[in-house]
Amino acid sequence: MSAEDEIRELLKSYESSLNTSDASKASSCYTSDGMFMPTTLPTVAGGAMEDAYVKLFETIRLRVI
C-alpha cells in the first residue's frame, strides 16, 4: 500500500469516527505525540485525547461528508 493510500484510509477512518461519535476510534487516528485542539475545550494529547472526544461528542454531533 502506498503512503497516499495509507493517508486516504486514515482519513476515511477519522471521518467515520466523527460521524459515529466514536471517541476511541477518533483518538486512535492520532500519532502518540498528536495534539487535539477542539474549539470549545482545552488542547489535549496522549491518553487524555479519548476523554476529550467523549466530552466533545456529548456536546455536538458531526456529519462529515
Protein backbone atom coordinates (compact mmCIF):
# COMPACT_ATOMS: atom_id res chain seq x y z
CA MET A 1 0.00 0.00 0.00
CA SER A 2 1.38 3.41 -0.92
CA ALA A 3 1.74 6.24 1.57
CA GLU A 4 -1.04 8.06 -0.24
CA ASP A 5 -3.35 5.06 0.17
CA GLU A 6 -2.49 4.85 3.87
CA ILE A 7 -3.36 8.52 4.32
CA ARG A 8 -6.67 8.06 2.48
CA GLU A 9 -7.55 5.10 4.72
CA LEU A 10 -6.67 7.06 7.85
CA LEU A 11 -8.84 9.97 6.74
CA LYS A 12 -11.75 7.60 6.00
CA SER A 13 -11.38 6.09 9.46
CA TYR A 14 -11.30 9.54 11.08
CA GLU A 15 -14.36 10.65 9.09
CA SER A 16 -16.22 7.52 10.19
CA SER A 17 -15.26 8.10 13.83
CA LEU A 18 -16.59 11.66 13.71
CA ASN A 19 -19.84 10.63 12.02
CA THR A 20 -20.48 7.87 14.56
CA SER A 21 -19.21 9.80 17.62
CA ASP A 22 -16.68 7.04 18.31
CA ALA A 23 -14.18 8.63 20.70
CA SER A 24 -11.91 5.60 20.81
CA LYS A 25 -11.67 5.36 17.05
CA ALA A 26 -11.13 9.11 16.67
CA SER A 27 -8.29 9.19 19.17
CA SER A 28 -6.67 6.12 17.58
CA CYS A 29 -6.20 8.11 14.36
CA TYR A 30 -3.52 10.25 16.02
CA THR A 31 0.17 9.56 16.48
CA SER A 32 1.42 9.11 20.03
CA ASP A 33 2.53 12.75 20.11
CA GLY A 34 -0.53 14.12 18.31
CA MET A 35 -2.49 17.08 19.67
CA PHE A 36 -6.27 17.61 19.65
CA MET A 37 -7.26 21.28 19.77
CA PRO A 38 -11.07 21.47 19.92
CA THR A 39 -12.64 24.91 19.75
CA THR A 40 -14.64 24.58 22.95
CA LEU A 41 -12.28 22.51 25.11
CA PRO A 42 -8.62 22.65 26.21
CA THR A 43 -5.90 21.24 23.97
CA VAL A 44 -5.04 17.64 24.87
CA ALA A 45 -2.57 14.93 23.89
CA GLY A 46 -1.92 11.26 24.56
CA GLY A 47 -4.19 9.44 26.98
CA ALA A 48 -6.39 12.48 27.59
CA MET A 49 -7.42 12.61 23.94
CA GLU A 50 -10.13 9.93 24.12
CA ASP A 51 -11.77 11.64 27.10
CA ALA A 52 -11.73 14.95 25.22
CA TYR A 53 -13.51 13.33 22.27
CA VAL A 54 -16.08 11.82 24.64
CA LYS A 55 -16.79 15.30 26.03
CA LEU A 56 -16.92 16.79 22.55
CA PHE A 57 -19.34 14.14 21.30
CA GLU A 58 -21.57 14.73 24.34
CA THR A 59 -21.86 18.34 23.19
CA ILE A 60 -22.10 18.09 19.40
CA ARG A 61 -22.87 15.64 16.61
CA LEU A 62 -20.91 15.81 13.39
CA ARG A 63 -21.80 14.86 9.84
CA VAL A 64 -18.65 14.88 7.75
CA ILE A 65 -19.05 14.13 4.05
